[in-house]
PDB file of N, CA and C in Angstrom:
ATOM      1  N   UNK A   1      92.067 101.040 105.089  1.00  0.00           N
ATOM      2  CA  UNK A   1      91.047 102.256 105.550  1.00  0.00           C
ATOM      3  C   UNK A   1      89.937 102.215 104.690  1.00  0.00           C
ATOM      4  N   UNK A   2      90.163 101.787 102.993  1.00  0.00           N
ATOM      5  CA  UNK A   2      88.997 102.064 102.083  1.00  0.00           C
ATOM      6  C   UNK A   2      87.981 101.118 102.816  1.00  0.00           C
ATOM      7  N   UNK A   3      87.875  99.891 103.336  1.00  0.00           N
ATOM      8  CA  UNK A   3      87.202  98.560 103.605  1.00  0.00           C
ATOM      9  C   UNK A   3      86.417  99.256 104.854  1.00  0.00           C
ATOM     10  N   UNK A   4      87.044  99.903 105.664  1.00  0.00           N
ATOM     11  CA  UNK A   4      86.230 100.229 106.574  1.00  0.00           C
ATOM     12  C   UNK A   4      85.454 101.399 106.215  1.00  0.00           C
ATOM     13  N   UNK A   5      85.715 102.414 105.365  1.00  0.00           N
ATOM     14  CA  UNK A   5      85.032 103.381 104.948  1.00  0.00           C
ATOM     15  C   UNK A   5      83.728 102.882 103.799  1.00  0.00           C
ATOM     16  N   UNK A   6      84.057 101.837 103.488  1.00  0.00           N
ATOM     17  CA  UNK A   6      83.217 101.380 102.542  1.00  0.00           C
ATOM     18  C   UNK A   6      82.142 100.594 103.270  1.00  0.00           C
ATOM     19  N   UNK A   7      82.499  99.845 104.240  1.00  0.00           N
ATOM     20  CA  UNK A   7      81.382  99.275 105.057  1.00  0.00           C
ATOM     21  C   UNK A   7      80.447  99.968 105.835  1.00  0.00           C
ATOM     22  N   UNK A   8      81.148 101.412 106.405  1.00  0.00           N
ATOM     23  CA  UNK A   8      80.563 102.279 107.068  1.00  0.00           C
ATOM     24  C   UNK A   8      79.317 103.010 106.528  1.00  0.00           C
ATOM     25  N   UNK A   9      79.666 103.290 105.172  1.00  0.00           N
ATOM     26  CA  UNK A   9      78.744 104.593 104.305  1.00  0.00           C
ATOM     27  C   UNK A   9      77.902 103.969 103.891  1.00  0.00           C
ATOM     28  N   UNK A  10      76.713 104.444 103.735  1.00  0.00           N
ATOM     29  CA  UNK A  10      75.715 104.338 103.157  1.00  0.00           C
ATOM     30  C   UNK A  10      75.662 104.314 101.680  1.00  0.00           C
ATOM     31  N   UNK A  11      75.114 103.413 100.894  1.00  0.00           N
ATOM     32  CA  UNK A  11      75.084 102.859  99.709  1.00  0.00           C
ATOM     33  C   UNK A  11      75.285 103.925  98.638  1.00  0.00           C
ATOM     34  N   UNK A  12      74.368 105.004  98.795  1.00  0.00           N
ATOM     35  CA  UNK A  12      74.009 105.822  97.938  1.00  0.00           C
ATOM     36  C   UNK A  12      75.142 107.425  98.022  1.00  0.00           C
ATOM     37  N   UNK A  13      76.396 106.746  99.316  1.00  0.00           N
ATOM     38  CA  UNK A  13      77.404 107.917  99.359  1.00  0.00           C
ATOM     39  C   UNK A  13      78.998 107.212  99.637  1.00  0.00           C
ATOM     40  N   UNK A  14      78.906 106.138  98.839  1.00  0.00           N
ATOM     41  CA  UNK A  14      80.511 105.320  98.987  1.00  0.00           C
ATOM     42  C   UNK A  14      81.435 105.899  98.302  1.00  0.00           C
ATOM     43  N   UNK A  15      80.898 106.326  97.048  1.00  0.00           N
ATOM     44  CA  UNK A  15      82.123 106.805  96.206  1.00  0.00           C
ATOM     45  C   UNK A  15      82.720 108.110  96.977  1.00  0.00           C
ATOM     46  N   UNK A  16      81.410 109.048  97.280  1.00  0.00           N
ATOM     47  CA  UNK A  16      81.708 110.436  97.700  1.00  0.00           C
ATOM     48  C   UNK A  16      82.764 110.106  99.086  1.00  0.00           C
ATOM     49  N   UNK A  17      82.450 109.161  99.796  1.00  0.00           N
ATOM     50  CA  UNK A  17      83.066 109.000 101.082  1.00  0.00           C
ATOM     51  C   UNK A  17      84.520 108.777 100.902  1.00  0.00           C
ATOM     52  N   UNK A  18      84.671 107.506  99.900  1.00  0.00           N
ATOM     53  CA  UNK A  18      85.767 107.235  99.482  1.00  0.00           C
ATOM     54  C   UNK A  18      87.151 108.409  99.044  1.00  0.00           C
ATOM     55  N   UNK A  19      86.352 109.332  98.269  1.00  0.00           N
ATOM     56  CA  UNK A  19      86.748 110.376  97.757  1.00  0.00           C
ATOM     57  C   UNK A  19      87.562 111.348  98.858  1.00  0.00           C
ATOM     58  N   UNK A  20      86.461 111.651  99.373  1.00  0.00           N
ATOM     59  CA  UNK A  20      86.860 112.604 100.689  1.00  0.00           C
ATOM     60  C   UNK A  20      87.681 111.639 101.476  1.00  0.00           C
ATOM     61  N   UNK A  21      87.900 110.517 102.058  1.00  0.00           N
ATOM     62  CA  UNK A  21      88.956 109.910 102.778  1.00  0.00           C
ATOM     63  C   UNK A  21      90.224 109.822 101.999  1.00  0.00           C
ATOM     64  N   UNK A  22      90.197 109.875 100.621  1.00  0.00           N
ATOM     65  CA  UNK A  22      91.558 109.897  99.889  1.00  0.00           C
ATOM     66  C   UNK A  22      92.498 111.365 100.218  1.00  0.00           C
ATOM     67  N   UNK A  23      91.227 112.309  99.867  1.00  0.00           N
ATOM     68  CA  UNK A  23      91.634 113.832  99.829  1.00  0.00           C
ATOM     69  C   UNK A  23      92.491 114.172 101.290  1.00  0.00           C
ATOM     70  N   UNK A  24      91.752 113.652 102.246  1.00  0.00           N
ATOM     71  CA  UNK A  24      91.735 113.748 103.615  1.00  0.00           C
ATOM     72  C   UNK A  24      93.568 113.027 103.881  1.00  0.00           C
ATOM     73  N   UNK A  25      93.701 111.750 103.493  1.00  0.00           N
ATOM     74  CA  UNK A  25      94.914 111.181 103.847  1.00  0.00           C
ATOM     75  C   UNK A  25      95.631 111.913 102.800  1.00  0.00           C
ATOM     76  N   UNK A  26      95.691 112.363 101.951  1.00  0.00           N
ATOM     77  CA  UNK A  26      96.836 112.885 101.063  1.00  0.00           C
ATOM     78  C   UNK A  26      97.043 114.400 101.581  1.00  0.00           C
ATOM     79  N   UNK A  27      96.272 115.065 102.439  1.00  0.00           N
ATOM     80  CA  UNK A  27      96.353 116.241 102.565  1.00  0.00           C
ATOM     81  C   UNK A  27      97.341 115.958 104.120  1.00  0.00           C
ATOM     82  N   UNK A  28      96.905 115.140 104.783  1.00  0.00           N
ATOM     83  CA  UNK A  28      97.589 114.872 106.339  1.00  0.00           C
ATOM     84  C   UNK A  28      98.961 114.490 105.949  1.00  0.00           C
ATOM     85  N   UNK A  29      99.251 113.578 104.839  1.00  0.00           N
ATOM     86  CA  UNK A  29     100.521 113.259 104.537  1.00  0.00           C
ATOM     87  C   UNK A  29     101.301 114.218 104.273  1.00  0.00           C
ATOM     88  N   UNK A  30     101.018 114.933 103.501  1.00  0.00           N
ATOM     89  CA  UNK A  30     101.949 116.129 103.365  1.00  0.00           C
ATOM     90  C   UNK A  30     102.232 117.009 104.092  1.00  0.00           C
ATOM     91  N   UNK A  31     101.088 117.612 104.926  1.00  0.00           N
ATOM     92  CA  UNK A  31     101.540 118.094 106.202  1.00  0.00           C
ATOM     93  C   UNK A  31     102.643 117.509 107.317  1.00  0.00           C
ATOM     94  N   UNK A  32     102.270 116.357 107.569  1.00  0.00           N
ATOM     95  CA  UNK A  32     103.302 115.560 108.051  1.00  0.00           C
ATOM     96  C   UNK A  32     104.437 115.279 107.785  1.00  0.00           C
ATOM     97  N   UNK A  33     104.659 114.939 106.546  1.00  0.00           N
ATOM     98  CA  UNK A  33     105.783 114.695 105.634  1.00  0.00           C
ATOM     99  C   UNK A  33     106.811 116.189 105.801  1.00  0.00           C
ATOM    100  N   UNK A  34     106.110 117.499 105.359  1.00  0.00           N
ATOM    101  CA  UNK A  34     106.909 118.474 105.436  1.00  0.00           C
ATOM    102  C   UNK A  34     107.323 119.066 106.891  1.00  0.00           C
ATOM    103  N   UNK A  35     106.717 118.531 107.884  1.00  0.00           N
ATOM    104  CA  UNK A  35     107.090 118.542 109.228  1.00  0.00           C
ATOM    105  C   UNK A  35     108.148 117.938 109.561  1.00  0.00           C
ATOM    106  N   UNK A  36     108.143 116.858 109.389  1.00  0.00           N
ATOM    107  CA  UNK A  36     109.418 115.645 109.540  1.00  0.00           C
ATOM    108  C   UNK A  36     110.308 116.221 108.490  1.00  0.00           C
ATOM    109  N   UNK A  37     110.221 116.455 107.792  1.00  0.00           N
ATOM    110  CA  UNK A  37     111.624 116.846 106.673  1.00  0.00           C
ATOM    111  C   UNK A  37     111.793 117.843 107.650  1.00  0.00           C
ATOM    112  N   UNK A  38     111.478 118.823 108.387  1.00  0.00           N
ATOM    113  CA  UNK A  38     111.925 120.274 108.565  1.00  0.00           C
ATOM    114  C   UNK A  38     112.508 119.951 110.229  1.00  0.00           C
ATOM    115  N   UNK A  39     111.880 119.167 110.870  1.00  0.00           N
ATOM    116  CA  UNK A  39     112.602 118.176 111.779  1.00  0.00           C
ATOM    117  C   UNK A  39     113.898 117.763 111.753  1.00  0.00           C
ATOM    118  N   UNK A  40     113.973 116.964 110.653  1.00  0.00           N
ATOM    119  CA  UNK A  40     115.395 116.296 109.867  1.00  0.00           C
ATOM    120  C   UNK A  40     116.277 117.393 109.591  1.00  0.00           C
ATOM    121  N   UNK A  41     115.756 118.587 108.909  1.00  0.00           N
ATOM    122  CA  UNK A  41     116.788 119.414 108.354  1.00  0.00           C
ATOM    123  C   UNK A  41     117.216 120.390 109.815  1.00  0.00           C
ATOM    124  N   UNK A  42     116.655 120.420 110.659  1.00  0.00           N
ATOM    125  CA  UNK A  42     117.090 121.161 111.986  1.00  0.00           C
ATOM    126  C   UNK A  42     117.999 120.366 113.038  1.00  0.00           C
ATOM    127  N   UNK A  43     117.740 118.880 112.982  1.00  0.00           N
ATOM    128  CA  UNK A  43     118.709 117.720 113.532  1.00  0.00           C
ATOM    129  C   UNK A  43     120.254 118.107 112.974  1.00  0.00           C
ATOM    130  N   UNK A  44     120.095 117.802 111.885  1.00  0.00           N
ATOM    131  CA  UNK A  44     121.068 117.834 110.979  1.00  0.00           C
ATOM    132  C   UNK A  44     122.197 119.379 110.796  1.00  0.00           C
ATOM    133  N   UNK A  45     121.368 120.001 111.123  1.00  0.00           N
ATOM    134  CA  UNK A  45     121.983 121.090 111.232  1.00  0.00           C
ATOM    135  C   UNK A  45     121.763 122.115 109.820  1.00  0.00           C
ATOM    136  N   UNK A  46     120.989 121.907 108.996  1.00  0.00           N
ATOM    137  CA  UNK A  46     120.826 122.552 107.443  1.00  0.00           C
ATOM    138  C   UNK A  46     119.917 123.425 107.913  1.00  0.00           C
ATOM    139  N   UNK A  47     120.473 124.693 107.381  1.00  0.00           N
ATOM    140  CA  UNK A  47     119.632 125.886 107.676  1.00  0.00           C
ATOM    141  C   UNK A  47     119.661 126.459 106.455  1.00  0.00           C
ATOM    142  N   UNK A  48     118.673 125.751 105.284  1.00  0.00           N
ATOM    143  CA  UNK A  48     118.196 126.200 104.313  1.00  0.00           C
ATOM    144  C   UNK A  48     116.835 127.183 104.452  1.00  0.00           C
ATOM    145  N   UNK A  49     116.979 128.319 103.841  1.00  0.00           N
ATOM    146  CA  UNK A  49     115.501 129.024 103.926  1.00  0.00           C
ATOM    147  C   UNK A  49     114.694 128.417 102.625  1.00  0.00           C
ATOM    148  N   UNK A  50     113.598 128.144 102.825  1.00  0.00           N
ATOM    149  CA  UNK A  50     113.108 127.563 101.885  1.00  0.00           C
ATOM    150  C   UNK A  50     111.615 128.594 101.630  1.00  0.00           C
ATOM    151  N   UNK A  51     111.853 129.975 102.269  1.00  0.00           N
ATOM    152  CA  UNK A  51     110.331 130.572 102.513  1.00  0.00           C
ATOM    153  C   UNK A  51     110.368 131.497 100.892  1.00  0.00           C
TER     154      UNK A  51
END
């Protein structure tokens, strides 16, 4: 992923582009991980209220 971002971004914005890509990746992985965790809990019948 970083090689693609590094090659596509202009020289003066390479570090910013990589930082934004990392932040986006970490944010999306947290959202997807929480969704999958909830699906597994529903499938297994674990009714734990985490609110």
